[in-house]
N, C-alpha and C. Protein backbone atom coordinates (compact mmCIF):
# COMPACT_ATOMS: atom_id res chain seq x y z
N MET A 1 104.22 110.59 91.08
CA MET A 1 104.21 110.73 92.39
C MET A 1 104.94 109.73 93.29
N LYS A 2 105.60 110.13 94.08
CA LYS A 2 106.32 109.01 95.05
C LYS A 2 105.48 108.67 96.29
N LEU A 3 105.23 107.49 96.39
CA LEU A 3 104.97 106.99 97.78
C LEU A 3 105.82 106.27 98.63
N GLU A 4 105.96 106.40 99.76
CA GLU A 4 106.60 105.49 100.64
C GLU A 4 105.96 104.63 101.24
N ARG A 5 106.23 103.15 101.21
CA ARG A 5 105.49 102.48 101.87
C ARG A 5 106.52 101.53 102.80
N GLU A 6 105.60 101.37 103.99
CA GLU A 6 106.32 100.37 105.15
C GLU A 6 104.98 99.58 105.60
N ASP A 7 105.11 98.28 105.63
CA ASP A 7 104.46 97.27 106.25
C ASP A 7 104.70 96.95 107.79
N ARG A 8 103.70 97.13 108.72
CA ARG A 8 103.99 97.19 109.99
C ARG A 8 102.83 96.36 110.66
N ASN A 9 102.99 95.38 111.41
CA ASN A 9 102.21 94.86 112.17
C ASN A 9 100.76 94.62 111.53
N GLY A 10 100.81 94.15 110.26
CA GLY A 10 99.46 94.05 109.48
C GLY A 10 98.98 95.46 109.06
N LEU A 11 99.62 96.25 108.90
CA LEU A 11 99.23 97.66 108.63
C LEU A 11 99.94 97.98 107.37
N THR A 12 99.50 98.75 106.34
CA THR A 12 100.34 99.31 105.36
C THR A 12 100.41 100.61 105.55
N VAL A 13 101.58 101.24 105.97
CA VAL A 13 101.75 102.82 106.07
C VAL A 13 102.25 103.34 104.99
N ILE A 14 101.47 104.25 104.43
CA ILE A 14 101.94 105.37 103.04
C ILE A 14 102.22 106.57 103.43
N THR A 15 103.44 107.06 103.26
CA THR A 15 103.70 108.45 103.30
C THR A 15 103.97 109.12 101.70
N LEU A 16 102.85 110.30 101.84
CA LEU A 16 102.85 110.77 100.56
C LEU A 16 104.08 111.75 100.40
N ALA A 17 104.90 111.48 99.47
CA ALA A 17 106.42 112.22 99.37
C ALA A 17 105.95 113.54 98.12
N THR A 18 105.00 114.35 98.42
CA THR A 18 104.51 115.35 97.64
C THR A 18 103.70 116.42 98.68
N ASP A 19 103.78 117.51 98.01
CA ASP A 19 103.16 118.73 98.88
C ASP A 19 101.68 118.93 98.33
N LYS A 20 101.49 118.33 97.19
CA LYS A 20 99.94 118.72 96.73
C LYS A 20 99.52 117.32 96.28
N LEU A 21 98.10 116.95 96.36
CA LEU A 21 97.26 116.05 95.96
C LEU A 21 96.30 116.79 95.09
N VAL A 22 96.27 116.99 93.92
CA VAL A 22 95.46 117.82 92.92
C VAL A 22 95.28 117.07 91.81
N LEU A 23 94.75 117.53 90.84
CA LEU A 23 94.17 117.34 89.64
C LEU A 23 95.41 116.61 88.96
N ALA A 24 96.39 117.42 88.77
CA ALA A 24 97.76 117.18 88.07
C ALA A 24 98.32 115.81 88.62
N ASN A 25 98.30 115.36 89.84
CA ASN A 25 98.68 113.97 90.07
C ASN A 25 97.89 112.96 90.98
N ALA A 26 96.41 113.23 90.83
CA ALA A 26 95.55 112.38 91.72
C ALA A 26 95.55 110.76 90.72
N ASP A 27 95.39 111.13 89.41
CA ASP A 27 95.26 110.03 88.90
C ASP A 27 96.65 108.77 89.15
N GLU A 28 97.60 109.45 89.18
CA GLU A 28 98.67 108.71 89.40
C GLU A 28 98.67 108.18 90.96
N PHE A 29 98.46 108.91 91.82
CA PHE A 29 98.35 108.40 93.28
C PHE A 29 97.34 107.37 93.45
N LYS A 30 96.03 107.56 92.69
CA LYS A 30 94.98 106.43 92.77
C LYS A 30 95.56 105.29 92.13
N SER A 31 96.30 105.18 90.92
CA SER A 31 96.72 104.14 90.43
C SER A 31 97.67 103.15 91.21
N GLN A 32 98.50 103.88 92.01
CA GLN A 32 99.55 103.53 92.91
C GLN A 32 98.83 102.91 94.09
N MET A 33 97.98 103.67 94.47
CA MET A 33 97.05 103.08 95.63
C MET A 33 96.37 101.64 95.35
N VAL A 34 95.96 101.66 94.14
CA VAL A 34 94.95 100.44 93.96
C VAL A 34 96.17 99.54 93.67
N ASP A 35 97.23 99.82 93.24
CA ASP A 35 98.41 98.57 93.21
C ASP A 35 98.74 98.07 94.41
N ILE A 36 98.61 99.12 95.52
CA ILE A 36 99.00 98.50 96.99
C ILE A 36 97.85 97.56 97.43
N ILE A 37 96.40 98.20 97.22
CA ILE A 37 95.72 97.20 97.63
C ILE A 37 95.29 96.05 97.17
N ARG A 38 95.65 95.88 95.71
CA ARG A 38 95.39 94.81 95.13
C ARG A 38 96.82 93.62 95.76
N GLN A 39 97.99 94.24 96.09
CA GLN A 39 98.93 93.58 96.79
C GLN A 39 98.48 93.07 98.29
N GLY A 40 97.29 93.48 98.46
CA GLY A 40 97.06 93.01 100.05
C GLY A 40 96.84 93.81 101.04
N GLY A 41 97.30 95.21 100.83
CA GLY A 41 97.04 96.17 101.86
C GLY A 41 95.82 96.86 102.03
N HIS A 42 95.05 96.08 102.80
CA HIS A 42 93.71 96.48 103.04
C HIS A 42 93.39 97.40 104.45
N ARG A 43 94.42 97.66 105.11
CA ARG A 43 94.65 98.33 106.30
C ARG A 43 95.44 99.36 106.16
N LEU A 44 95.02 100.60 105.68
CA LEU A 44 96.04 101.56 105.28
C LEU A 44 96.06 102.81 106.26
N VAL A 45 97.25 103.07 106.56
CA VAL A 45 97.51 104.56 107.07
C VAL A 45 98.28 105.32 106.26
N LEU A 46 97.54 106.57 106.00
CA LEU A 46 97.91 107.57 105.03
C LEU A 46 98.59 108.69 105.66
N ASP A 47 99.94 108.79 105.63
CA ASP A 47 100.48 110.12 106.17
C ASP A 47 100.79 110.95 105.38
N CYS A 48 99.59 111.97 105.46
CA CYS A 48 99.57 113.32 104.76
C CYS A 48 100.31 114.53 105.28
N SER A 49 101.31 114.13 106.11
CA SER A 49 102.00 115.27 106.82
C SER A 49 102.78 116.19 105.91
N GLY A 50 103.20 115.96 104.63
CA GLY A 50 103.68 116.76 103.56
C GLY A 50 102.81 117.42 102.66
N VAL A 51 101.42 117.07 102.69
CA VAL A 51 100.70 117.55 101.88
C VAL A 51 99.92 119.07 102.41
N GLU A 52 100.38 120.00 101.43
CA GLU A 52 99.92 121.36 101.95
C GLU A 52 98.66 121.82 101.14
N THR A 53 98.39 121.25 99.88
CA THR A 53 97.36 121.61 98.96
C THR A 53 96.73 120.37 98.76
N ILE A 54 95.57 120.57 98.66
CA ILE A 54 94.52 119.41 98.40
C ILE A 54 93.33 119.80 97.42
N ASP A 55 92.71 119.42 96.26
CA ASP A 55 91.84 120.17 95.73
C ASP A 55 90.62 118.76 95.71
N SER A 56 89.42 119.41 94.84
CA SER A 56 88.32 118.58 94.79
C SER A 56 88.74 116.91 94.04
N ARG A 57 89.65 117.08 93.33
CA ARG A 57 90.07 115.80 92.32
C ARG A 57 90.97 114.94 93.90
N GLY A 58 91.58 115.36 94.47
CA GLY A 58 92.41 114.97 95.41
C GLY A 58 91.67 114.32 96.35
N LEU A 59 90.39 115.10 97.14
CA LEU A 59 89.46 114.57 97.79
C LEU A 59 88.87 113.32 97.37
N GLY A 60 88.45 113.59 96.02
CA GLY A 60 87.68 112.33 95.35
C GLY A 60 88.22 111.02 95.40
N VAL A 61 89.70 111.25 95.00
CA VAL A 61 90.57 109.80 95.00
C VAL A 61 90.79 109.48 96.24
N LEU A 62 90.87 110.28 97.26
CA LEU A 62 90.47 109.53 98.54
C LEU A 62 89.46 108.73 98.92
N ILE A 63 88.43 109.46 98.54
CA ILE A 63 87.13 108.73 98.82
C ILE A 63 87.16 107.30 98.05
N SER A 64 87.57 107.50 96.71
CA SER A 64 87.73 106.20 95.90
C SER A 64 88.64 105.18 96.41
N VAL A 65 89.76 105.53 97.05
CA VAL A 65 90.73 104.57 97.62
C VAL A 65 89.99 104.01 98.77
N MET A 66 89.31 104.58 99.59
CA MET A 66 88.59 104.12 100.89
C MET A 66 87.53 103.03 100.35
N LYS A 67 86.76 103.30 99.44
CA LYS A 67 85.78 102.48 98.82
C LYS A 67 86.34 101.18 98.53
N SER A 68 87.56 101.20 97.67
CA SER A 68 88.21 100.25 97.03
C SER A 68 88.50 99.10 98.17
N LEU A 69 88.90 99.76 99.31
CA LEU A 69 89.22 98.44 100.46
C LEU A 69 88.24 97.52 100.83
N GLY A 70 87.19 97.90 100.31
CA GLY A 70 85.77 96.88 100.74
C GLY A 70 85.46 96.81 102.21
N PRO A 71 84.73 96.02 102.54
CA PRO A 71 83.80 96.06 103.73
C PRO A 71 84.86 95.47 104.99
N ASP A 72 86.23 94.52 104.56
CA ASP A 72 87.12 94.31 105.49
C ASP A 72 88.29 95.10 105.67
N GLY A 73 88.29 96.14 104.73
CA GLY A 73 89.41 97.07 105.03
C GLY A 73 89.16 98.35 105.80
N ALA A 74 90.15 99.12 105.96
CA ALA A 74 90.07 100.28 107.05
C ALA A 74 91.17 101.28 106.65
N MET A 75 91.20 102.67 106.65
CA MET A 75 91.97 103.50 106.43
C MET A 75 92.04 104.65 107.44
N ALA A 76 92.99 105.08 107.71
CA ALA A 76 93.30 106.26 108.61
C ALA A 76 94.11 107.31 108.15
N LEU A 77 93.69 108.75 108.29
CA LEU A 77 94.63 109.59 107.77
C LEU A 77 95.25 110.33 108.87
N CYS A 78 96.61 110.57 108.68
CA CYS A 78 97.23 111.19 109.61
C CYS A 78 98.27 112.38 109.54
N GLY A 79 98.47 113.25 110.17
CA GLY A 79 99.26 114.37 109.90
C GLY A 79 98.92 115.53 109.00
N LEU A 80 97.62 115.82 109.04
CA LEU A 80 96.89 116.80 108.11
C LEU A 80 97.55 118.04 108.40
N THR A 81 98.06 119.01 107.53
CA THR A 81 98.43 120.14 107.89
C THR A 81 96.96 121.07 108.14
N ASP A 82 97.41 122.35 108.60
CA ASP A 82 96.27 123.34 109.07
C ASP A 82 95.42 123.24 107.72
N HIS A 83 95.92 123.61 106.56
CA HIS A 83 95.08 123.82 105.37
C HIS A 83 94.48 122.74 105.35
N VAL A 84 94.76 121.49 104.75
CA VAL A 84 94.14 120.15 104.73
C VAL A 84 93.32 120.05 105.67
N ARG A 85 93.51 120.18 107.04
CA ARG A 85 92.38 119.96 108.05
C ARG A 85 91.29 120.94 107.69
N LYS A 86 91.59 122.07 107.55
CA LYS A 86 90.47 123.06 107.09
C LYS A 86 89.64 122.69 105.90
N VAL A 87 90.09 122.25 104.91
CA VAL A 87 89.37 121.64 103.80
C VAL A 87 88.49 120.33 104.09
N PHE A 88 88.98 119.79 104.97
CA PHE A 88 88.33 118.35 105.45
C PHE A 88 87.21 119.05 106.36
N GLY A 89 87.44 120.00 106.90
CA GLY A 89 86.28 120.40 107.99
C GLY A 89 85.39 120.98 107.07
N LEU A 90 85.53 121.71 106.05
CA LEU A 90 84.57 122.35 105.32
C LEU A 90 83.66 121.43 104.42
N THR A 91 84.33 120.48 104.34
CA THR A 91 83.81 119.53 103.28
C THR A 91 82.83 118.47 103.81
N LYS A 92 83.06 118.44 105.22
CA LYS A 92 82.73 117.27 106.26
C LYS A 92 83.17 116.06 106.01
N LEU A 93 84.54 116.17 105.26
CA LEU A 93 84.97 114.99 105.02
C LEU A 93 85.96 114.40 106.47
N ASP A 94 85.92 115.46 107.57
CA ASP A 94 86.46 114.67 108.74
C ASP A 94 85.43 113.93 109.39
N GLN A 95 84.31 114.11 109.05
CA GLN A 95 83.16 113.09 109.36
C GLN A 95 82.92 111.68 108.87
N VAL A 96 83.73 111.57 107.68
CA VAL A 96 83.82 110.49 106.90
C VAL A 96 85.06 109.54 106.99
N PHE A 97 86.23 110.23 107.18
CA PHE A 97 87.67 109.71 107.23
C PHE A 97 87.98 109.51 108.72
N SER A 98 88.59 108.62 109.29
CA SER A 98 89.25 108.61 110.46
C SER A 98 90.65 109.41 110.29
N VAL A 99 90.60 110.38 111.09
CA VAL A 99 91.86 111.40 111.09
C VAL A 99 92.53 111.66 112.25
N TYR A 100 93.71 111.26 112.35
CA TYR A 100 94.65 111.53 113.37
C TYR A 100 95.75 112.29 113.53
N GLU A 101 96.14 112.73 114.58
CA GLU A 101 97.23 113.77 114.57
C GLU A 101 98.64 113.31 114.14
N ASP A 102 98.88 111.89 114.48
CA ASP A 102 100.03 111.24 114.10
C ASP A 102 100.18 110.08 113.81
N ARG A 103 101.19 109.42 112.99
CA ARG A 103 101.23 108.18 112.35
C ARG A 103 100.70 107.34 113.80
N GLU A 104 101.51 107.29 114.85
CA GLU A 104 101.42 106.37 116.04
C GLU A 104 99.93 106.26 116.18
N SER A 105 99.23 107.40 116.60
CA SER A 105 97.78 107.28 116.68
C SER A 105 96.95 106.49 115.88
N ALA A 106 97.41 106.88 114.48
CA ALA A 106 96.51 106.25 113.54
C ALA A 106 96.81 104.73 113.57
N MET A 107 98.14 104.20 113.85
CA MET A 107 98.28 102.88 113.64
C MET A 107 97.72 102.10 114.98
N GLU A 108 97.69 102.99 116.00
CA GLU A 108 97.22 102.12 117.31
C GLU A 108 95.81 101.99 116.99
N ALA A 109 94.96 102.92 116.38
CA ALA A 109 93.51 102.99 116.24
C ALA A 109 93.12 101.89 115.29
N LEU A 110 93.78 101.70 114.30
CA LEU A 110 93.44 100.74 113.18
C LEU A 110 94.06 99.27 113.80
N SER A 111 95.07 99.20 114.64
CA SER A 111 95.42 98.01 115.12
C SER A 111 94.33 97.37 115.97
N ARG A 112 93.44 98.37 116.46
CA ARG A 112 92.18 97.88 117.57
C ARG A 112 90.91 97.69 116.71
N ALA A 113 90.86 98.13 115.56
CA ALA A 113 89.79 97.97 114.78
C ALA A 113 89.52 96.62 114.04
């Protein structure tokens, strides 16, 4: 799985360059995210605008990544497609994650937190 990383103003912006976050690629995604966290990325904006499909394994990995950030870390998701937003709503994960319409809104919110 390819992730595009950009460090801006103390934030690490990650763009998922895939249309699926599912069982088949979730472990690779988690491994890459753990590497980013180990390199000091503790304030993450995750741009999911290209992700059309997410399953329970993908959701679980997002939760795991968020927990890996520790008490001083923060993570915001942005650009959820209609289908992914619906999955987050059905699972109530939209109440667990900070979700924003676009990258700029997510970055602004994390900068203030």
